[in-house]
Amino acid sequence: MASRKPRILVVYKKDAYQQYIQEQQDPHLLQLLQKKHPDLLDMQQAHLVHEQAMEAVIHALRRLDVVFDLAYRADVRVTRRYDLVVSVGGDGTFLQAARSVAQTPMLGVNSDPARSEAVFCAATHRTFQAMCRHALSGRLRELKLYRLAISLNGRRLAQRALNDVLIVHDDPATMSRYRLKIAGAAEAQKSSGLWVSTAAGSSSAVLAAGGVRLRWATKRFQYRPREVYRGRLSHPRLLGGVLGAGTSVRVTWLMRRGSAFIDGPHVKVPLRFADQLDIRLSLSDPLRVLGLASK
């Protein structure tokens, strides 16, 4: 009996040029492109670079003895067994693909290293074929990244955060009001929002808000209010810190409208007055990322 060929899911992005110019035909952007605006020309060039990377990845897969499926990142639903999930784009594409992944290892391909940091992506289109071969043979280094489990009013959400959760009012110019409870200490706060971040997300938004960088493989997470309000009646003490896996962050939302954003803008959980979010580090089913060193 012939052995089963490895099956790979390739998750790709649509860049800004493809979405807003080619597909939506945005009249303002088309006018700027016609005038050869330098930023639109750069957007066009970025599109060409991404397309070349996609073509290189597909060509490499056809050279390997594998079966592969393609999925646009906004539509990805992992409904069958794969041996490997490959994201082609940057960190945004990687994070969207990771939402649907439990046990399957992931390999990120940075489709435009000159423009994209893509810290989760170990490969480029030039190195992809060799790294993919090593991944399928189990010879590529694996890093386990722990995610945040989130419950709303006692109900566990399906989404987990690989990077961070932002709890904030829907209007970015409106102050957020909430009650924060951590390990027995509790207080009401006013701020521009609250970050709760994994170790893998500790080098991004929470760091800019005053948090600390953690080693990616550590079993810890952190919280950090951003632009917390201090006044005559407000003397906040819970201003951020690193927490262990056994600790939970509880946020009681104290406004009529708000949201919890999970790993960026695409997953938005609406919040109403008195809603309770509980966030903790999940040690089950960490994301298995290939090709990365522990940072």
Foldseek 3Di string as FASTA:
>chain_A
DDDDFAEEEEEEEQAPCCPVCVPVNPVVLVVCVVVVPVVSVVSVVLNVLLVVLVVLLVVLVVVDRHHYDYDYLVPDAPPDDGQEYEYRDAVLSVQSVCQRDFAHAYAYEHSDVVPHPRQLHQHHSVCPNVQVVCSSVVNWDKAFAWWKWKDKPNHTDSGTARAKKKKAFPDQVDWFWKWKDKPHDIDIWTASIKIKGGLVNQVPDVVVQPGDHHWRRDQKIKMAGHGTDDDPPDDDDPGMDIGGQVMKMKIFGAAQWIWMDGHDDPDTHIDGHRMMMIMGIDPHRTHIYTNDDTD
